[in-house]
PDB file of N, CA and C in Angstrom:
ATOM      1  N   MET A   1       0.828  -1.185   0.000  1.00  0.00           N
ATOM      2  CA  MET A   1       0.000   0.000   0.000  1.00  0.00           C
ATOM      3  C   MET A   1       0.869   1.243   0.000  1.00  0.00           C
ATOM      4  N   GLU A   2       0.287   2.321  -0.440  1.00  0.00           N
ATOM      5  CA  GLU A   2       0.994   3.582  -0.427  1.00  0.00           C
ATOM      6  C   GLU A   2       1.219   4.018   1.006  1.00  0.00           C
ATOM      7  N   SER A   3       2.123   4.983   1.170  1.00  0.00           N
ATOM      8  CA  SER A   3       2.459   5.418   2.520  1.00  0.00           C
ATOM      9  C   SER A   3       1.304   6.146   3.192  1.00  0.00           C
ATOM     10  N   ARG A   4       0.433   6.769   2.406  1.00  0.00           N
ATOM     11  CA  ARG A   4      -0.683   7.468   3.044  1.00  0.00           C
ATOM     12  C   ARG A   4      -1.676   6.452   3.587  1.00  0.00           C
ATOM     13  N   ALA A   5      -2.260   6.799   4.707  1.00  0.00           N
ATOM     14  CA  ALA A   5      -3.209   5.880   5.348  1.00  0.00           C
ATOM     15  C   ALA A   5      -4.543   5.926   4.618  1.00  0.00           C
ATOM     16  N   MET A   6      -5.215   4.776   4.542  1.00  0.00           N
ATOM     17  CA  MET A   6      -6.555   4.711   3.982  1.00  0.00           C
ATOM     18  C   MET A   6      -7.527   4.577   5.144  1.00  0.00           C
ATOM     19  N   LYS A   7      -8.452   5.496   5.208  1.00  0.00           N
ATOM     20  CA  LYS A   7      -9.439   5.457   6.278  1.00  0.00           C
ATOM     21  C   LYS A   7     -10.458   4.367   5.966  1.00  0.00           C
ATOM     22  N   LEU A   8     -10.660   3.484   6.924  1.00  0.00           N
ATOM     23  CA  LEU A   8     -11.607   2.394   6.746  1.00  0.00           C
ATOM     24  C   LEU A   8     -13.006   2.962   6.532  1.00  0.00           C
ATOM     25  N   GLY A   9     -13.660   2.520   5.486  1.00  0.00           N
ATOM     26  CA  GLY A   9     -15.008   2.965   5.195  1.00  0.00           C
ATOM     27  C   GLY A   9     -15.058   4.171   4.270  1.00  0.00           C
ATOM     28  N   ALA A  10     -13.930   4.804   4.025  1.00  0.00           N
ATOM     29  CA  ALA A  10     -13.898   5.958   3.138  1.00  0.00           C
ATOM     30  C   ALA A  10     -13.877   5.486   1.685  1.00  0.00           C
ATOM     31  N   ARG A  11     -14.200   6.405   0.763  1.00  0.00           N
ATOM     32  CA  ARG A  11     -14.117   6.064  -0.653  1.00  0.00           C
ATOM     33  C   ARG A  11     -12.665   5.783  -1.012  1.00  0.00           C
ATOM     34  N   LEU A  12     -12.492   4.907  -1.964  1.00  0.00           N
ATOM     35  CA  LEU A  12     -11.163   4.514  -2.413  1.00  0.00           C
ATOM     36  C   LEU A  12     -10.935   4.999  -3.835  1.00  0.00           C
ATOM     37  N   ASP A  13      -9.681   5.285  -4.169  1.00  0.00           N
ATOM     38  CA  ASP A  13      -9.411   5.550  -5.579  1.00  0.00           C
ATOM     39  C   ASP A  13      -9.288   4.192  -6.270  1.00  0.00           C
ATOM     40  N   ALA A  14      -9.351   4.205  -7.581  1.00  0.00           N
ATOM     41  CA  ALA A  14      -9.388   2.950  -8.348  1.00  0.00           C
ATOM     42  C   ALA A  14      -8.143   2.101  -8.116  1.00  0.00           C
ATOM     43  N   GLN A  15      -7.000   2.728  -7.993  1.00  0.00           N
ATOM     44  CA  GLN A  15      -5.748   1.987  -7.801  1.00  0.00           C
ATOM     45  C   GLN A  15      -5.727   1.278  -6.445  1.00  0.00           C
ATOM     46  N   ASP A  16      -6.118   1.979  -5.373  1.00  0.00           N
ATOM     47  CA  ASP A  16      -6.181   1.355  -4.051  1.00  0.00           C
ATOM     48  C   ASP A  16      -7.202   0.217  -4.042  1.00  0.00           C
ATOM     49  N   PHE A  17      -8.341   0.455  -4.694  1.00  0.00           N
ATOM     50  CA  PHE A  17      -9.373  -0.586  -4.741  1.00  0.00           C
ATOM     51  C   PHE A  17      -8.825  -1.846  -5.408  1.00  0.00           C
ATOM     52  N   GLU A  18      -8.149  -1.706  -6.538  1.00  0.00           N
ATOM     53  CA  GLU A  18      -7.623  -2.874  -7.249  1.00  0.00           C
ATOM     54  C   GLU A  18      -6.620  -3.637  -6.392  1.00  0.00           C
ATOM     55  N   ARG A  19      -5.774  -2.927  -5.679  1.00  0.00           N
ATOM     56  CA  ARG A  19      -4.806  -3.600  -4.801  1.00  0.00           C
ATOM     57  C   ARG A  19      -5.523  -4.413  -3.726  1.00  0.00           C
ATOM     58  N   LEU A  20      -6.534  -3.814  -3.115  1.00  0.00           N
ATOM     59  CA  LEU A  20      -7.277  -4.519  -2.066  1.00  0.00           C
ATOM     60  C   LEU A  20      -8.078  -5.683  -2.655  1.00  0.00           C
ATOM     61  N   ALA A  21      -8.755  -5.455  -3.774  1.00  0.00           N
ATOM     62  CA  ALA A  21      -9.581  -6.495  -4.393  1.00  0.00           C
ATOM     63  C   ALA A  21      -8.736  -7.684  -4.827  1.00  0.00           C
ATOM     64  N   ASN A  22      -7.514  -7.430  -5.261  1.00  0.00           N
ATOM     65  CA  ASN A  22      -6.631  -8.520  -5.672  1.00  0.00           C
ATOM     66  C   ASN A  22      -6.250  -9.436  -4.512  1.00  0.00           C
ATOM     67  N   ALA A  23      -6.413  -8.944  -3.289  1.00  0.00           N
ATOM     68  CA  ALA A  23      -6.101  -9.748  -2.104  1.00  0.00           C
ATOM     69  C   ALA A  23      -7.312 -10.531  -1.613  1.00  0.00           C
ATOM     70  N   THR A  24      -8.430 -10.453  -2.346  1.00  0.00           N
ATOM     71  CA  THR A  24      -9.640 -11.187  -1.974  1.00  0.00           C
ATOM     72  C   THR A  24      -9.881 -12.307  -2.975  1.00  0.00           C
ATOM     73  N   GLN A  25     -10.926 -13.065  -2.721  1.00  0.00           N
ATOM     74  CA  GLN A  25     -11.340 -14.111  -3.657  1.00  0.00           C
ATOM     75  C   GLN A  25     -12.677 -13.749  -4.297  1.00  0.00           C
ATOM     76  N   LEU A  26     -12.952 -12.431  -4.381  1.00  0.00           N
ATOM     77  CA  LEU A  26     -14.208 -11.996  -4.976  1.00  0.00           C
ATOM     78  C   LEU A  26     -14.267 -12.347  -6.452  1.00  0.00           C
ATOM     79  N   GLY A  27     -15.426 -12.834  -6.873  1.00  0.00           N
ATOM     80  CA  GLY A  27     -15.658 -13.075  -8.291  1.00  0.00           C
ATOM     81  C   GLY A  27     -15.913 -11.756  -9.005  1.00  0.00           C
ATOM     82  N   PRO A  28     -16.001 -11.791 -10.327  1.00  0.00           N
ATOM     83  CA  PRO A  28     -16.171 -10.555 -11.098  1.00  0.00           C
ATOM     84  C   PRO A  28     -17.408  -9.749 -10.710  1.00  0.00           C
ATOM     85  N   ARG A  29     -18.520 -10.412 -10.487  1.00  0.00           N
ATOM     86  CA  ARG A  29     -19.765  -9.693 -10.148  1.00  0.00           C
ATOM     87  C   ARG A  29     -19.655  -9.045  -8.762  1.00  0.00           C
ATOM     88  N   ALA A  30     -19.159  -9.773  -7.780  1.00  0.00           N
ATOM     89  CA  ALA A  30     -19.016  -9.218  -6.430  1.00  0.00           C
ATOM     90  C   ALA A  30     -17.987  -8.090  -6.426  1.00  0.00           C
ATOM     91  N   ARG A  31     -16.939  -8.259  -7.197  1.00  0.00           N
ATOM     92  CA  ARG A  31     -15.915  -7.216  -7.298  1.00  0.00           C
ATOM     93  C   ARG A  31     -16.518  -5.931  -7.870  1.00  0.00           C
ATOM     94  N   GLU A  32     -17.380  -6.077  -8.875  1.00  0.00           N
ATOM     95  CA  GLU A  32     -18.054  -4.920  -9.466  1.00  0.00           C
ATOM     96  C   GLU A  32     -18.975  -4.242  -8.451  1.00  0.00           C
ATOM     97  N   MET A  33     -19.678  -5.039  -7.648  1.00  0.00           N
ATOM     98  CA  MET A  33     -20.543  -4.465  -6.608  1.00  0.00           C
ATOM     99  C   MET A  33     -19.720  -3.611  -5.646  1.00  0.00           C
ATOM    100  N   ALA A  34     -18.603  -4.155  -5.208  1.00  0.00           N
ATOM    101  CA  ALA A  34     -17.747  -3.431  -4.266  1.00  0.00           C
ATOM    102  C   ALA A  34     -17.161  -2.183  -4.915  1.00  0.00           C
ATOM    103  N   ARG A  35     -16.745  -2.283  -6.172  1.00  0.00           N
ATOM    104  CA  ARG A  35     -16.171  -1.131  -6.872  1.00  0.00           C
ATOM    105  C   ARG A  35     -17.184  -0.005  -7.023  1.00  0.00           C
ATOM    106  N   MET A  36     -18.412  -0.360  -7.398  1.00  0.00           N
ATOM    107  CA  MET A  36     -19.454   0.653  -7.572  1.00  0.00           C
ATOM    108  C   MET A  36     -19.723   1.390  -6.262  1.00  0.00           C
ATOM    109  N   THR A  37     -19.635   0.672  -5.162  1.00  0.00           N
ATOM    110  CA  THR A  37     -19.892   1.271  -3.854  1.00  0.00           C
ATOM    111  C   THR A  37     -18.700   2.070  -3.354  1.00  0.00           C
ATOM    112  N   LEU A  38     -17.521   1.464  -3.374  1.00  0.00           N
ATOM    113  CA  LEU A  38     -16.360   2.073  -2.739  1.00  0.00           C
ATOM    114  C   LEU A  38     -15.611   3.079  -3.610  1.00  0.00           C
ATOM    115  N   VAL A  39     -15.628   2.899  -4.915  1.00  0.00           N
ATOM    116  CA  VAL A  39     -14.916   3.821  -5.803  1.00  0.00           C
ATOM    117  C   VAL A  39     -15.868   4.882  -6.350  1.00  0.00           C
ATOM    118  N   GLU A  40     -17.021   4.452  -6.827  1.00  0.00           N
ATOM    119  CA  GLU A  40     -17.982   5.390  -7.413  1.00  0.00           C
ATOM    120  C   GLU A  40     -18.809   6.113  -6.361  1.00  0.00           C
ATOM    121  N   GLY A  41     -18.860   5.557  -5.153  1.00  0.00           N
ATOM    122  CA  GLY A  41     -19.610   6.209  -4.077  1.00  0.00           C
ATOM    123  C   GLY A  41     -21.109   5.996  -4.133  1.00  0.00           C
ATOM    124  N   ARG A  42     -21.544   4.980  -4.851  1.00  0.00           N
ATOM    125  CA  ARG A  42     -22.979   4.699  -4.942  1.00  0.00           C
ATOM    126  C   ARG A  42     -23.434   3.949  -3.702  1.00  0.00           C
ATOM    127  N   SER A  43     -24.695   4.108  -3.346  1.00  0.00           N
ATOM    128  CA  SER A  43     -25.216   3.417  -2.168  1.00  0.00           C
ATOM    129  C   SER A  43     -25.367   1.931  -2.456  1.00  0.00           C
ATOM    130  N   MET A  44     -25.354   1.135  -1.396  1.00  0.00           N
ATOM    131  CA  MET A  44     -25.500  -0.311  -1.551  1.00  0.00           C
ATOM    132  C   MET A  44     -26.857  -0.653  -2.151  1.00  0.00           C
ATOM    133  N   HIS A  45     -27.886   0.095  -1.767  1.00  0.00           N
ATOM    134  CA  HIS A  45     -29.224  -0.160  -2.312  1.00  0.00           C
ATOM    135  C   HIS A  45     -29.272   0.154  -3.805  1.00  0.00           C
ATOM    136  N   GLU A  46     -28.631   1.247  -4.199  1.00  0.00           N
ATOM    137  CA  GLU A  46     -28.589   1.614  -5.610  1.00  0.00           C
ATOM    138  C   GLU A  46     -27.841   0.562  -6.428  1.00  0.00           C
ATOM    139  N   VAL A  47     -26.717   0.097  -5.910  1.00  0.00           N
ATOM    140  CA  VAL A  47     -25.930  -0.938  -6.608  1.00  0.00           C
ATOM    141  C   VAL A  47     -26.739  -2.223  -6.720  1.00  0.00           C
ATOM    142  N   ALA A  48     -27.396  -2.600  -5.640  1.00  0.00           N
ATOM    143  CA  ALA A  48     -28.212  -3.824  -5.665  1.00  0.00           C
ATOM    144  C   ALA A  48     -29.317  -3.722  -6.712  1.00  0.00           C
ATOM    145  N   LYS A  49     -29.961  -2.580  -6.765  1.00  0.00           N
ATOM    146  CA  LYS A  49     -31.045  -2.391  -7.739  1.00  0.00           C
ATOM    147  C   LYS A  49     -30.487  -2.422  -9.171  1.00  0.00           C
ATOM    148  N   THR A  50     -29.361  -1.753  -9.394  1.00  0.00           N
ATOM    149  CA  THR A  50     -28.745  -1.711 -10.717  1.00  0.00           C
ATOM    150  C   THR A  50     -28.348  -3.101 -11.195  1.00  0.00           C
ATOM    151  N   LEU A  51     -27.818  -3.914 -10.287  1.00  0.00           N
ATOM    152  CA  LEU A  51     -27.326  -5.247 -10.657  1.00  0.00           C
ATOM    153  C   LEU A  51     -28.334  -6.357 -10.371  1.00  0.00           C
ATOM    154  N   ASP A  52     -29.558  -5.965 -10.027  1.00  0.00           N
ATOM    155  CA  ASP A  52     -30.640  -6.913  -9.795  1.00  0.00           C
ATOM    156  C   ASP A  52     -30.262  -7.982  -8.768  1.00  0.00           C
ATOM    157  N   THR A  53     -29.851  -7.506  -7.603  1.00  0.00           N
ATOM    158  CA  THR A  53     -29.522  -8.395  -6.497  1.00  0.00           C
ATOM    159  C   THR A  53     -30.051  -7.756  -5.214  1.00  0.00           C
ATOM    160  N   ILE A  54     -29.688  -8.304  -4.090  1.00  0.00           N
ATOM    161  CA  ILE A  54     -30.142  -7.769  -2.811  1.00  0.00           C
ATOM    162  C   ILE A  54     -28.992  -7.008  -2.143  1.00  0.00           C
ATOM    163  N   PRO A  55     -29.312  -5.995  -1.336  1.00  0.00           N
ATOM    164  CA  PRO A  55     -28.269  -5.199  -0.681  1.00  0.00           C
ATOM    165  C   PRO A  55     -27.320  -6.027   0.190  1.00  0.00           C
ATOM    166  N   GLN A  56     -27.802  -7.121   0.736  1.00  0.00           N
ATOM    167  CA  GLN A  56     -26.950  -7.956   1.580  1.00  0.00           C
ATOM    168  C   GLN A  56     -25.765  -8.518   0.791  1.00  0.00           C
ATOM    169  N   ARG A  57     -25.983  -8.858  -0.469  1.00  0.00           N
ATOM    170  CA  ARG A  57     -24.878  -9.357  -1.305  1.00  0.00           C
ATOM    171  C   ARG A  57     -23.844  -8.259  -1.555  1.00  0.00           C
ATOM    172  N   VAL A  58     -24.340  -7.052  -1.769  1.00  0.00           N
ATOM    173  CA  VAL A  58     -23.429  -5.913  -1.961  1.00  0.00           C
ATOM    174  C   VAL A  58     -22.636  -5.681  -0.677  1.00  0.00           C
ATOM    175  N   ARG A  59     -23.321  -5.742   0.454  1.00  0.00           N
ATOM    176  CA  ARG A  59     -22.668  -5.542   1.751  1.00  0.00           C
ATOM    177  C   ARG A  59     -21.574  -6.585   1.982  1.00  0.00           C
ATOM    178  N   LEU A  60     -21.820  -7.827   1.600  1.00  0.00           N
ATOM    179  CA  LEU A  60     -20.810  -8.877   1.741  1.00  0.00           C
ATOM    180  C   LEU A  60     -19.569  -8.584   0.888  1.00  0.00           C
ATOM    181  N   ALA A  61     -19.799  -8.122  -0.334  1.00  0.00           N
ATOM    182  CA  ALA A  61     -18.676  -7.802  -1.221  1.00  0.00           C
ATOM    183  C   ALA A  61     -17.863  -6.638  -0.662  1.00  0.00           C
ATOM    184  N   VAL A  62     -18.541  -5.606  -0.209  1.00  0.00           N
ATOM    185  CA  VAL A  62     -17.855  -4.450   0.390  1.00  0.00           C
ATOM    186  C   VAL A  62     -17.114  -4.885   1.651  1.00  0.00           C
ATOM    187  N   GLY A  63     -17.728  -5.757   2.427  1.00  0.00           N
ATOM    188  CA  GLY A  63     -17.099  -6.255   3.652  1.00  0.00           C
ATOM    189  C   GLY A  63     -15.803  -7.004   3.373  1.00  0.00           C
ATOM    190  N   SER A  64     -15.744  -7.718   2.259  1.00  0.00           N
ATOM    191  CA  SER A  64     -14.507  -8.417   1.896  1.00  0.00           C
ATOM    192  C   SER A  64     -13.361  -7.433   1.674  1.00  0.00           C
ATOM    193  N   ILE A  65     -13.663  -6.334   1.009  1.00  0.00           N
ATOM    194  CA  ILE A  65     -12.644  -5.306   0.780  1.00  0.00           C
ATOM    195  C   ILE A  65     -12.251  -4.660   2.104  1.00  0.00           C
ATOM    196  N   HIS A  66     -13.240  -4.355   2.936  1.00  0.00           N
ATOM    197  CA  HIS A  66     -12.953  -3.729   4.230  1.00  0.00           C
ATOM    198  C   HIS A  66     -12.113  -4.630   5.134  1.00  0.00           C
ATOM    199  N   ARG A  67     -12.346  -5.929   5.083  1.00  0.00           N
ATOM    200  CA  ARG A  67     -11.547  -6.847   5.907  1.00  0.00           C
ATOM    201  C   ARG A  67     -10.079  -6.819   5.504  1.00  0.00           C
ATOM    202  N   VAL A  68      -9.816  -6.797   4.210  1.00  0.00           N
ATOM    203  CA  VAL A  68      -8.426  -6.716   3.747  1.00  0.00           C
ATOM    204  C   VAL A  68      -7.837  -5.364   4.160  1.00  0.00           C
ATOM    205  N   GLN A  69      -8.599  -4.312   3.961  1.00  0.00           N
ATOM    206  CA  GLN A  69      -8.132  -2.972   4.318  1.00  0.00           C
ATOM    207  C   GLN A  69      -7.837  -2.873   5.804  1.00  0.00           C
ATOM    208  N   ALA A  70      -8.718  -3.426   6.625  1.00  0.00           N
ATOM    209  CA  ALA A  70      -8.521  -3.386   8.079  1.00  0.00           C
ATOM    210  C   ALA A  70      -7.298  -4.184   8.492  1.00  0.00           C
ATOM    211  N   SER A  71      -7.080  -5.321   7.859  1.00  0.00           N
ATOM    212  CA  SER A  71      -5.916  -6.134   8.230  1.00  0.00           C
ATOM    213  C   SER A  71      -4.625  -5.391   7.919  1.00  0.00           C
ATOM    214  N   LEU A  72      -4.618  -4.608   6.855  1.00  0.00           N
ATOM    215  CA  LEU A  72      -3.431  -3.822   6.511  1.00  0.00           C
ATOM    216  C   LEU A  72      -3.286  -2.623   7.445  1.00  0.00           C
ATOM    217  N   THR A  73      -4.398  -1.994   7.786  1.00  0.00           N
ATOM    218  CA  THR A  73      -4.378  -0.826   8.666  1.00  0.00           C
ATOM    219  C   THR A  73      -4.004  -1.226  10.079  1.00  0.00           C
ATOM    220  N   TRP A  74      -4.620  -2.295  10.589  1.00  0.00           N
ATOM    221  CA  TRP A  74      -4.355  -2.718  11.965  1.00  0.00           C
ATOM    222  C   TRP A  74      -2.971  -3.328  12.111  1.00  0.00           C
ATOM    223  N   GLY A  75      -2.405  -3.810  11.020  1.00  0.00           N
ATOM    224  CA  GLY A  75      -1.082  -4.393  11.074  1.00  0.00           C
ATOM    225  C   GLY A  75       0.032  -3.360  11.054  1.00  0.00           C
ATOM    226  N   ALA A  76      -0.335  -2.080  10.885  1.00  0.00           N
ATOM    227  CA  ALA A  76       0.677  -1.022  10.837  1.00  0.00           C
ATOM    228  C   ALA A  76       1.297  -0.831  12.214  1.00  0.00           C
ATOM    229  N   PRO A  77       2.564  -0.484  12.250  1.00  0.00           N
ATOM    230  CA  PRO A  77       3.216  -0.278  13.544  1.00  0.00           C
ATOM    231  C   PRO A  77       2.617   0.921  14.274  1.00  0.00           C
ATOM    232  N   ALA A  78       2.547   0.816  15.564  1.00  0.00           N
ATOM    233  CA  ALA A  78       2.012   1.903  16.393  1.00  0.00           C
ATOM    234  C   ALA A  78       3.050   3.012  16.499  1.00  0.00           C
ATOM    235  N   VAL A  79       2.562   4.218  16.732  1.00  0.00           N
ATOM    236  CA  VAL A  79       3.457   5.352  16.950  1.00  0.00           C
ATOM    237  C   VAL A  79       3.936   5.296  18.392  1.00  0.00           C
ATOM    238  N   PRO A  80       5.244   5.319  18.618  1.00  0.00           N
ATOM    239  CA  PRO A  80       5.732   5.273  19.997  1.00  0.00           C
ATOM    240  C   PRO A  80       5.313   6.521  20.776  1.00  0.00           C
ATOM    241  N   ALA A  81       5.064   6.377  22.055  1.00  0.00           N
ATOM    242  CA  ALA A  81       4.629   7.484  22.896  1.00  0.00           C
ATOM    243  C   ALA A  81       5.626   8.634  22.857  1.00  0.00           C
ATOM    244  N   SER A  82       6.889   8.344  22.696  1.00  0.00           N
ATOM    245  CA  SER A  82       7.905   9.397  22.666  1.00  0.00           C
ATOM    246  C   SER A  82       7.746  10.321  21.464  1.00  0.00           C
ATOM    247  N   LYS A  83       7.015   9.886  20.425  1.00  0.00           N
ATOM    248  CA  LYS A  83       6.822  10.678  19.225  1.00  0.00           C
ATOM    249  C   LYS A  83       5.523  11.497  19.264  1.00  0.00           C
ATOM    250  N   LEU A  84       4.673  11.262  20.265  1.00  0.00           N
ATOM    251  CA  LEU A  84       3.407  11.974  20.381  1.00  0.00           C
ATOM    252  C   LEU A  84       3.618  13.332  21.018  1.00  0.00           C
ATOM    253  N   PRO A  85       2.813  14.332  20.639  1.00  0.00           N
ATOM    254  CA  PRO A  85       2.879  15.636  21.304  1.00  0.00           C
ATOM    255  C   PRO A  85       2.498  15.486  22.782  1.00  0.00           C
ATOM    256  N   GLN A  86       3.111  16.285  23.635  1.00  0.00           N
ATOM    257  CA  GLN A  86       2.874  16.203  25.084  1.00  0.00           C
ATOM    258  C   GLN A  86       1.398  16.253  25.451  1.00  0.00           C
ATOM    259  N   GLY A  87       0.599  17.053  24.735  1.00  0.00           N
ATOM    260  CA  GLY A  87      -0.814  17.204  25.059  1.00  0.00           C
ATOM    261  C   GLY A  87      -1.626  15.949  24.859  1.00  0.00           C
ATOM    262  N   LEU A  88      -1.124  15.012  24.067  1.00  0.00           N
ATOM    263  CA  LEU A  88      -1.856  13.778  23.819  1.00  0.00           C
ATOM    264  C   LEU A  88      -1.566  12.699  24.847  1.00  0.00           C
ATOM    265  N   LEU A  89      -0.497  12.847  25.588  1.00  0.00           N
ATOM    266  CA  LEU A  89      -0.136  11.847  26.575  1.00  0.00           C
ATOM    267  C   LEU A  89      -1.012  12.017  27.813  1.00  0.00           C
ATOM    268  N   VAL A  90      -1.553  10.927  28.287  1.00  0.00           N
ATOM    269  CA  VAL A  90      -2.448  10.987  29.449  1.00  0.00           C
ATOM    270  C   VAL A  90      -1.788  10.356  30.631  1.00  0.00           C
TER     271      VAL A  90
END
């Protein structure tokens, strides 16, 4: 992944989406559902209606991308306390 952090649940650019999707086992149709939602910013209900499916299937496809994204985000090293501004230390 690029050095910039990707916020979980935020829209993705096409390049980030492809990297994440390549780490899943999504089929072409599920991949398209996730792309329409995460890259194009369309609602899950709109995507489901467009592709003649149910929103739950779209949610599953998006969830697959989010799981990969979360595993990469959560696996990042923590910032040491010595690097935090004094006001943030409790």
